[in-house]
Protein backbone atom coordinates (compact mmCIF):
# COMPACT_ATOMS: atom_id res chain seq x y z
CA MET A 1 -4.61 1.72 -12.66
CA ARG A 2 -6.45 0.98 -15.44
CA ILE A 3 -4.49 -2.04 -17.41
CA CYS A 4 -5.30 -3.67 -20.48
CA HIS A 5 -3.94 -6.41 -22.48
CA TYR A 6 -4.55 -7.29 -25.65
CA ILE A 7 -3.81 -10.13 -27.87
CA ALA A 8 -4.82 -10.90 -31.16
CA SER A 9 -4.63 -14.60 -31.37
CA THR A 10 -7.22 -17.46 -30.46
CA GLY A 11 -4.79 -20.48 -30.24
CA LEU A 12 -4.00 -21.99 -27.10
CA GLY A 13 -0.04 -22.04 -28.63
CA ARG A 14 0.40 -18.39 -27.58
CA GLY A 15 -1.76 -18.79 -24.58
CA GLU A 16 0.20 -20.18 -21.97
CA PHE A 17 2.55 -17.29 -20.54
CA TYR A 18 0.82 -13.90 -21.26
CA ILE A 19 -2.36 -15.61 -19.72
CA ASP A 20 -0.53 -16.89 -16.90
CA LEU A 21 0.71 -13.07 -16.44
CA VAL A 22 -2.17 -11.52 -16.84
CA ASN A 23 -3.81 -13.67 -14.16
CA GLU A 24 -1.48 -13.04 -12.02
CA MET A 25 -1.40 -9.53 -12.51
CA ALA A 26 -5.27 -9.60 -11.42
CA LYS A 27 -4.36 -10.62 -7.58
CA ASP A 28 -3.33 -7.88 -7.30
CA LYS A 29 -6.26 -5.16 -6.29
CA SER A 30 -4.86 -1.98 -6.83
CA LEU A 31 -4.95 -2.77 -10.35
CA SER A 32 -7.69 -3.18 -13.12
CA VAL A 33 -6.85 -5.71 -15.53
CA SER A 34 -9.18 -6.24 -18.67
CA LEU A 35 -7.83 -8.15 -21.69
CA ILE A 36 -9.12 -7.62 -25.11
CA ILE A 37 -8.96 -10.97 -27.44
CA PRO A 38 -10.45 -12.23 -30.80
CA LEU A 39 -13.89 -14.07 -30.24
CA ASN A 40 -14.21 -17.67 -29.48
CA ALA A 41 -10.63 -17.59 -28.45
CA LYS A 42 -9.93 -21.17 -27.16
CA TYR A 43 -7.88 -20.15 -23.98
CA LEU A 44 -11.11 -18.65 -22.71
CA ASN A 45 -11.27 -20.88 -19.65
CA ARG A 46 -7.49 -20.49 -18.55
CA ILE A 47 -8.75 -16.84 -17.80
CA SER A 48 -9.33 -15.57 -14.08
CA SER A 49 -12.41 -14.54 -13.37
CA ASP A 50 -10.86 -11.29 -11.68
CA ILE A 51 -9.99 -10.04 -15.51
CA LYS A 52 -12.51 -7.93 -17.53
CA ILE A 53 -12.74 -10.08 -20.76
CA ILE A 54 -13.41 -7.87 -24.01
CA GLU A 55 -13.64 -9.72 -27.29
CA TYR A 56 -14.15 -8.31 -30.77
CA LYS A 57 -16.04 -10.05 -33.26
CA SER A 58 -14.31 -8.80 -36.72
CA LYS A 59 -12.20 -10.71 -38.81
CA ASP A 60 -8.07 -10.63 -37.18
CA SER A 61 -6.12 -9.56 -39.50
CA ARG A 62 -3.56 -6.33 -39.82
CA TYR A 63 -5.87 -5.28 -43.33
CA ASN A 64 -8.89 -5.08 -41.67
CA PRO A 65 -10.48 -1.89 -41.63
CA PHE A 66 -13.11 -3.16 -39.80
CA LEU A 67 -11.04 -4.44 -37.02
CA PHE A 68 -9.66 -1.24 -36.76
CA ILE A 69 -12.97 0.56 -36.00
CA GLU A 70 -13.92 -1.76 -33.56
CA LEU A 71 -10.55 -1.64 -31.44
CA LEU A 72 -10.69 1.71 -32.13
CA LYS A 73 -14.39 2.05 -30.02
CA ILE A 74 -13.17 -0.06 -27.49
CA PHE A 75 -10.01 1.65 -26.44
CA THR A 76 -11.81 5.12 -26.55
CA ASN A 77 -14.62 3.37 -24.31
CA ASN A 78 -12.68 2.06 -21.69
CA LYS A 79 -9.47 4.72 -21.17
CA PHE A 80 -6.82 2.59 -20.05
CA ASP A 81 -3.87 3.63 -18.52
CA ILE A 82 -1.69 1.15 -20.38
CA VAL A 83 -2.06 -1.09 -22.84
CA HIS A 84 0.30 -4.09 -22.79
CA THR A 85 0.45 -6.05 -26.12
CA HIS A 86 2.00 -9.37 -27.23
CA PHE A 87 3.46 -10.63 -30.13
CA ALA A 88 3.49 -9.11 -33.24
CA LYS A 89 0.38 -8.49 -34.95
CA ALA A 90 -1.39 -7.22 -32.03
CA SER A 91 1.12 -4.31 -31.47
CA GLU A 92 1.21 -3.60 -35.08
CA ILE A 93 -2.34 -3.04 -34.84
CA PHE A 94 -2.28 -1.20 -31.59
CA TYR A 95 0.89 0.74 -33.02
CA LYS A 96 -1.07 2.09 -36.03
CA LEU A 97 -4.20 3.00 -33.83
CA ASN A 98 -2.33 4.33 -31.16
CA LYS A 99 -1.41 7.46 -33.35
CA ILE A 100 -5.31 8.53 -32.59
CA LEU A 101 -5.22 7.08 -29.22
CA LYS A 102 -1.95 8.32 -27.54
CA SER A 103 -1.83 5.84 -24.69
CA THR A 104 1.02 4.41 -23.07
CA HIS A 105 1.95 0.99 -24.98
CA ILE A 106 4.43 -1.31 -24.00
CA ALA A 107 4.53 -4.52 -25.75
CA THR A 108 6.50 -7.95 -25.66
CA LYS A 109 7.99 -10.26 -27.97
CA HIS A 110 7.94 -13.69 -26.68
CA ASN A 111 9.91 -15.24 -29.78
CA PRO A 112 13.93 -14.36 -31.78
CA ARG A 113 11.41 -14.54 -35.14
CA LYS A 114 11.11 -11.58 -37.38
CA GLY A 115 8.54 -8.80 -35.83
CA LYS A 116 10.01 -5.38 -37.18
CA ILE A 117 7.33 -3.58 -35.97
CA PHE A 118 8.75 -4.34 -31.93
CA ASN A 119 11.80 -2.12 -33.56
CA LYS A 120 9.39 1.08 -33.47
CA LEU A 121 8.25 0.72 -30.35
CA LYS A 122 9.50 2.88 -27.27
CA TYR A 123 8.54 0.49 -24.70
CA VAL A 124 9.50 -3.01 -25.32
CA THR A 125 10.20 -6.58 -22.83
CA ALA A 126 12.05 -9.73 -23.64
CA VAL A 127 11.36 -12.98 -22.42
CA SER A 128 14.47 -13.73 -23.13
CA ASP A 129 18.24 -12.22 -24.15
CA ASP A 130 18.06 -14.17 -27.76
CA VAL A 131 14.75 -12.11 -28.13
CA LYS A 132 16.27 -8.98 -27.16
CA LYS A 133 18.96 -9.22 -29.57
CA SER A 134 16.59 -9.82 -32.56
CA ILE A 135 15.16 -6.00 -31.32
CA LYS A 136 16.88 -3.14 -33.06
CA HIS A 137 17.13 -0.59 -30.49
CA ASP A 138 18.61 -0.48 -27.02
CA ASN A 139 15.44 0.77 -25.07
CA VAL A 140 14.57 -3.21 -24.63
CA LYS A 141 14.34 -5.01 -20.84
CA ILE A 142 14.21 -8.36 -20.36
CA ILE A 143 11.24 -10.07 -18.02
CA TYR A 144 11.56 -13.57 -18.15
CA ASN A 145 8.88 -15.65 -17.91
CA GLY A 146 7.78 -16.53 -15.00
CA LEU A 147 6.49 -19.83 -13.57
CA THR A 148 4.41 -20.59 -10.80
CA PRO A 149 6.46 -23.89 -8.10
CA ILE A 150 4.44 -26.77 -8.11
CA ASN A 151 5.62 -29.28 -5.56
CA LEU A 152 5.49 -32.64 -6.69
CA GLU A 153 6.02 -36.61 -5.24
CA GLU A 154 8.94 -38.42 -5.81
CA THR A 155 7.35 -41.75 -8.19
CA ASN A 156 9.38 -44.70 -8.79
CA LYS A 157 10.87 -45.53 -12.53
CA ASN A 158 9.41 -47.62 -14.80
CA LYS A 159 11.05 -50.92 -15.00
CA VAL A 160 10.91 -50.60 -18.99
CA PHE A 161 12.90 -47.36 -20.62
CA THR A 162 10.85 -44.27 -20.82
CA ILE A 163 10.80 -41.18 -22.48
CA ARG A 164 8.60 -38.47 -21.84
CA ALA A 165 8.14 -35.55 -24.33
CA ILE A 166 6.44 -32.60 -23.43
CA GLY A 167 4.53 -29.68 -25.66
CA ARG A 168 1.13 -28.93 -27.06
CA LEU A 169 0.03 -30.99 -29.95
CA ASP A 170 0.67 -28.74 -32.48
CA LYS A 171 2.23 -29.85 -36.43
CA ILE A 172 5.08 -27.36 -35.57
CA LYS A 173 6.29 -29.51 -32.46
CA GLY A 174 6.99 -32.74 -34.70
CA PHE A 175 5.58 -35.17 -32.31
CA ASP A 176 4.72 -37.25 -35.75
CA ILE A 177 8.33 -37.26 -36.82
CA LEU A 178 9.17 -38.44 -33.24
CA ILE A 179 6.61 -40.93 -33.30
CA LYS A 180 7.80 -42.54 -36.83
CA GLU A 181 11.37 -42.34 -35.98
CA LEU A 182 10.01 -44.40 -32.67
CA SER A 183 8.56 -47.40 -34.84
CA LYS A 184 12.22 -48.38 -36.21
CA VAL A 185 13.27 -49.01 -32.41
CA LYS A 186 13.31 -52.44 -31.91
CA ASN A 187 13.90 -52.28 -28.38
CA GLU A 188 11.38 -52.33 -25.29
CA TYR A 189 10.62 -48.73 -24.39
CA ILE A 190 7.41 -46.62 -23.48
CA LEU A 191 7.00 -42.83 -24.82
CA GLU A 192 4.80 -40.56 -22.86
CA ILE A 193 3.43 -37.45 -24.62
CA VAL A 194 2.50 -34.65 -22.24
CA GLY A 195 0.03 -32.20 -23.80
CA ASP A 196 -2.50 -31.36 -25.86
CA GLY A 197 -3.95 -29.34 -28.83
CA ASP A 198 -5.87 -29.91 -32.55
CA GLU A 199 -3.28 -32.67 -33.74
CA ARG A 200 -4.02 -35.37 -30.84
CA LYS A 201 -6.97 -36.90 -33.25
CA ASN A 202 -4.01 -37.36 -36.04
CA LEU A 203 -1.63 -38.67 -33.27
CA GLU A 204 -3.67 -41.01 -31.83
CA GLU A 205 -4.36 -42.58 -35.74
CA LEU A 206 -0.79 -42.51 -36.45
CA ILE A 207 0.23 -44.65 -33.20
CA LYS A 208 -2.49 -46.79 -34.25
CA GLU A 209 -1.15 -47.21 -38.15
CA SER A 210 2.28 -47.56 -36.33
CA ASP A 211 0.94 -50.66 -33.96
CA LEU A 212 2.55 -48.26 -31.41
CA THR A 213 -0.53 -48.58 -28.75
CA THR A 214 1.30 -50.65 -26.06
CA LYS A 215 4.56 -48.03 -26.49
CA ILE A 216 3.20 -44.60 -26.88
CA LYS A 217 1.25 -43.17 -24.80
CA LEU A 218 -0.77 -39.25 -24.88
CA ILE A 219 -1.32 -38.80 -21.22
CA GLY A 220 -2.90 -35.25 -21.95
């Protein structure tokens, strides 16, 4: 079976779960798994070597006719059995293309925010009950994001009161707000921020400006 995942995003923020999903699927040698993504996606190094990567060059927009022409050629030439789209933009673009292609289309909605396109699609999966409730038809299946278990060794707690925050270093995550609020705290503490992203440099500068280099660590 030839399965294609189509993702209209270059960023890391939305790269975690569906890249892991595609990587796991590629372990099944009875499947031929392809991934269609924009050129120069930031998560390229996370994609398994078992996956056929197809990059497109056109500007990633729902309203770009050149993108539709380029993608139509890709999908026509490859003749996938199933096309699985992630998030609203990719799902909407392929929904329009599929009026010509007539392929089996599955779309996954990853969050409960807006995304009217999912109301129009025949096959939809949601990653949680809240996401399912945001889709206005009954043919929705919940498939929770899977996690690969990791064995962790027990460690001794720090003697100083320690806070650990985990997430990608993106403006939307509000780590700058956390740092500013902790700058008001006079007690001894350590804040360890686990993650990486485009905001790292700005957060490093904020930590220095707030004279918190001994209290707040970005540990990757």
